[in-house]
């Protein structure tokens, strides 16, 4: 599985759990998935840019289904 990253700009978020939920939702939307779980490997805050960067394993999707799905 290849790795992928998302840049998340959050105005006011004090809770890292909120950022994690946003990262999972954005990753699902990016890959067109609905019921699969995306595991976020790491979230890093970049203070200079005031953004979070989320690293995750991109799911392999072929023909509208994940590779491991039957």
N, C-alpha and C. Protein backbone atom coordinates (compact mmCIF):
# COMPACT_ATOMS: atom_id res chain seq x y z
N UNK A 1 0.84 -1.19 0.00
CA UNK A 1 0.00 0.00 0.00
C UNK A 1 0.88 1.24 0.00
N UNK A 2 0.58 2.15 -0.86
CA UNK A 2 1.34 3.41 -0.86
C UNK A 2 0.84 4.34 0.25
N UNK A 3 1.70 5.24 0.64
CA UNK A 3 1.32 6.21 1.66
C UNK A 3 0.77 7.46 0.97
N UNK A 4 -0.08 8.16 1.68
CA UNK A 4 -0.65 9.40 1.17
C UNK A 4 -0.74 10.39 2.33
N UNK A 5 -0.86 11.66 2.00
CA UNK A 5 -0.92 12.69 3.04
C UNK A 5 -2.01 13.71 2.70
N UNK A 6 -2.55 14.29 3.74
CA UNK A 6 -3.55 15.35 3.62
C UNK A 6 -3.08 16.56 4.41
N UNK A 7 -3.37 17.72 3.89
CA UNK A 7 -3.12 18.96 4.62
C UNK A 7 -4.46 19.45 5.13
N UNK A 8 -4.56 19.68 6.42
CA UNK A 8 -5.81 20.07 7.05
C UNK A 8 -5.64 21.43 7.70
N UNK A 9 -6.44 22.37 7.26
CA UNK A 9 -6.41 23.72 7.84
C UNK A 9 -7.61 23.85 8.77
N UNK A 10 -7.33 24.00 10.05
CA UNK A 10 -8.38 24.12 11.06
C UNK A 10 -8.22 25.46 11.75
N UNK A 11 -9.30 26.23 11.76
CA UNK A 11 -9.25 27.56 12.38
C UNK A 11 -8.95 27.50 13.87
N UNK A 12 -9.87 26.90 14.61
CA UNK A 12 -9.71 26.82 16.06
C UNK A 12 -10.06 25.42 16.52
N UNK A 13 -9.06 24.62 16.76
CA UNK A 13 -9.29 23.26 17.25
C UNK A 13 -8.28 22.97 18.34
N UNK A 14 -8.79 22.73 19.52
CA UNK A 14 -7.92 22.42 20.65
C UNK A 14 -7.80 20.92 20.86
N UNK A 15 -8.69 20.15 20.25
CA UNK A 15 -8.76 18.72 20.47
C UNK A 15 -8.18 17.98 19.26
N UNK A 16 -7.16 17.17 19.48
CA UNK A 16 -6.55 16.40 18.40
C UNK A 16 -7.51 15.34 17.87
N UNK A 17 -8.46 14.91 18.68
CA UNK A 17 -9.47 13.96 18.23
C UNK A 17 -10.33 14.52 17.11
N UNK A 18 -10.64 15.82 17.18
CA UNK A 18 -11.39 16.46 16.10
C UNK A 18 -10.59 16.47 14.80
N UNK A 19 -9.30 16.75 14.90
CA UNK A 19 -8.44 16.76 13.72
C UNK A 19 -8.35 15.35 13.13
N UNK A 20 -8.28 14.34 13.98
CA UNK A 20 -8.23 12.96 13.53
C UNK A 20 -9.50 12.59 12.77
N UNK A 21 -10.65 12.98 13.29
CA UNK A 21 -11.93 12.70 12.62
C UNK A 21 -12.01 13.40 11.27
N UNK A 22 -11.55 14.63 11.22
CA UNK A 22 -11.54 15.38 9.95
C UNK A 22 -10.62 14.69 8.95
N UNK A 23 -9.46 14.23 9.41
CA UNK A 23 -8.50 13.56 8.52
C UNK A 23 -9.10 12.28 7.95
N UNK A 24 -9.75 11.48 8.79
CA UNK A 24 -10.38 10.25 8.30
C UNK A 24 -11.48 10.54 7.28
N UNK A 25 -12.31 11.54 7.58
CA UNK A 25 -13.40 11.88 6.66
C UNK A 25 -12.87 12.40 5.33
N UNK A 26 -11.85 13.23 5.37
CA UNK A 26 -11.28 13.77 4.13
C UNK A 26 -10.60 12.67 3.31
N UNK A 27 -9.94 11.73 3.97
CA UNK A 27 -9.30 10.62 3.26
C UNK A 27 -10.34 9.73 2.59
N UNK A 28 -11.44 9.47 3.30
CA UNK A 28 -12.52 8.68 2.70
C UNK A 28 -13.10 9.38 1.48
N UNK A 29 -13.31 10.68 1.61
CA UNK A 29 -13.86 11.45 0.50
C UNK A 29 -12.90 11.47 -0.69
N UNK A 30 -11.62 11.59 -0.40
CA UNK A 30 -10.60 11.64 -1.45
C UNK A 30 -10.56 10.35 -2.26
N UNK A 31 -10.77 9.21 -1.59
CA UNK A 31 -10.70 7.92 -2.27
C UNK A 31 -12.07 7.35 -2.62
N UNK A 32 -13.12 8.07 -2.33
CA UNK A 32 -14.47 7.64 -2.68
C UNK A 32 -14.95 6.43 -1.90
N UNK A 33 -14.58 6.34 -0.65
CA UNK A 33 -14.97 5.21 0.20
C UNK A 33 -16.05 5.64 1.17
N UNK A 34 -16.90 4.67 1.56
CA UNK A 34 -17.96 5.00 2.51
C UNK A 34 -17.85 4.20 3.80
N UNK A 35 -17.71 2.90 3.69
CA UNK A 35 -17.80 2.05 4.88
C UNK A 35 -16.47 1.46 5.33
N UNK A 36 -15.39 1.83 4.68
CA UNK A 36 -14.08 1.32 5.07
C UNK A 36 -13.44 2.26 6.08
N UNK A 37 -12.60 1.71 6.92
CA UNK A 37 -11.91 2.51 7.93
C UNK A 37 -10.53 2.89 7.41
N UNK A 38 -10.21 4.14 7.53
CA UNK A 38 -8.89 4.65 7.16
C UNK A 38 -8.09 4.83 8.45
N UNK A 39 -6.94 4.19 8.52
CA UNK A 39 -6.08 4.33 9.70
C UNK A 39 -5.07 5.44 9.46
N UNK A 40 -5.15 6.45 10.28
CA UNK A 40 -4.22 7.57 10.22
C UNK A 40 -2.95 7.16 10.98
N UNK A 41 -1.81 7.23 10.32
CA UNK A 41 -0.55 6.80 10.94
C UNK A 41 0.06 7.89 11.82
N UNK A 42 -0.04 9.13 11.38
CA UNK A 42 0.57 10.22 12.13
C UNK A 42 -0.08 11.54 11.75
N UNK A 43 -0.15 12.43 12.71
CA UNK A 43 -0.62 13.80 12.48
C UNK A 43 0.43 14.74 13.04
N UNK A 44 0.85 15.68 12.22
CA UNK A 44 1.89 16.63 12.60
C UNK A 44 1.36 18.04 12.41
N UNK A 45 1.60 18.89 13.40
CA UNK A 45 1.22 20.30 13.28
C UNK A 45 2.43 21.09 12.79
N UNK A 46 2.22 21.89 11.74
CA UNK A 46 3.28 22.74 11.20
C UNK A 46 2.96 24.17 11.61
N UNK A 47 3.59 24.67 12.67
CA UNK A 47 3.22 25.99 13.20
C UNK A 47 3.50 27.14 12.24
N UNK A 48 4.52 27.01 11.43
CA UNK A 48 4.84 28.08 10.49
C UNK A 48 3.71 28.32 9.49
N UNK A 49 3.06 27.24 9.07
CA UNK A 49 1.96 27.33 8.11
C UNK A 49 0.59 27.27 8.76
N UNK A 50 0.56 26.93 10.05
CA UNK A 50 -0.68 26.79 10.82
C UNK A 50 -1.62 25.76 10.20
N UNK A 51 -1.06 24.60 9.86
CA UNK A 51 -1.84 23.50 9.30
C UNK A 51 -1.41 22.19 9.97
N UNK A 52 -2.27 21.19 9.87
CA UNK A 52 -1.95 19.83 10.28
C UNK A 52 -1.69 19.01 9.02
N UNK A 53 -0.77 18.07 9.09
CA UNK A 53 -0.52 17.15 7.99
C UNK A 53 -0.78 15.75 8.53
N UNK A 54 -1.66 15.02 7.86
CA UNK A 54 -2.02 13.66 8.28
C UNK A 54 -1.45 12.66 7.28
N UNK A 55 -0.76 11.65 7.79
CA UNK A 55 -0.17 10.60 6.97
C UNK A 55 -0.98 9.33 7.17
N UNK A 56 -1.33 8.65 6.07
CA UNK A 56 -2.11 7.42 6.16
C UNK A 56 -1.75 6.51 5.00
N UNK A 57 -2.11 5.24 5.13
CA UNK A 57 -1.92 4.29 4.04
C UNK A 57 -3.11 4.39 3.10
N UNK A 58 -2.82 4.69 1.85
CA UNK A 58 -3.89 4.82 0.86
C UNK A 58 -4.42 3.43 0.50
N UNK A 59 -5.73 3.23 0.54
CA UNK A 59 -6.29 1.92 0.18
C UNK A 59 -6.17 1.69 -1.32
N UNK A 60 -5.94 0.43 -1.70
CA UNK A 60 -5.89 0.09 -3.11
C UNK A 60 -7.30 -0.20 -3.58
N UNK A 61 -7.80 0.61 -4.48
CA UNK A 61 -9.17 0.47 -4.98
C UNK A 61 -9.11 0.12 -6.45
N UNK A 62 -9.79 -0.97 -6.80
CA UNK A 62 -9.86 -1.39 -8.20
C UNK A 62 -11.28 -1.75 -8.54
N UNK A 63 -11.81 -1.16 -9.59
CA UNK A 63 -13.16 -1.50 -10.02
C UNK A 63 -14.23 -1.12 -9.02
N UNK A 64 -14.00 -0.08 -8.22
CA UNK A 64 -14.99 0.37 -7.26
C UNK A 64 -14.94 -0.36 -5.93
N UNK A 65 -14.04 -1.34 -5.79
CA UNK A 65 -13.93 -2.10 -4.54
C UNK A 65 -12.49 -2.09 -4.05
N UNK A 66 -12.35 -2.21 -2.76
CA UNK A 66 -11.01 -2.31 -2.19
C UNK A 66 -10.41 -3.65 -2.58
N UNK A 67 -9.10 -3.74 -2.61
CA UNK A 67 -8.43 -4.94 -3.05
C UNK A 67 -8.76 -6.15 -2.19
N UNK A 68 -8.88 -6.00 -0.88
CA UNK A 68 -9.14 -7.11 0.03
C UNK A 68 -10.62 -7.47 0.12
N UNK A 69 -11.48 -6.66 -0.45
CA UNK A 69 -12.94 -6.86 -0.35
C UNK A 69 -13.38 -7.86 -1.41
N UNK A 70 -14.34 -8.75 -1.07
CA UNK A 70 -14.84 -9.74 -2.05
C UNK A 70 -16.17 -9.33 -2.58
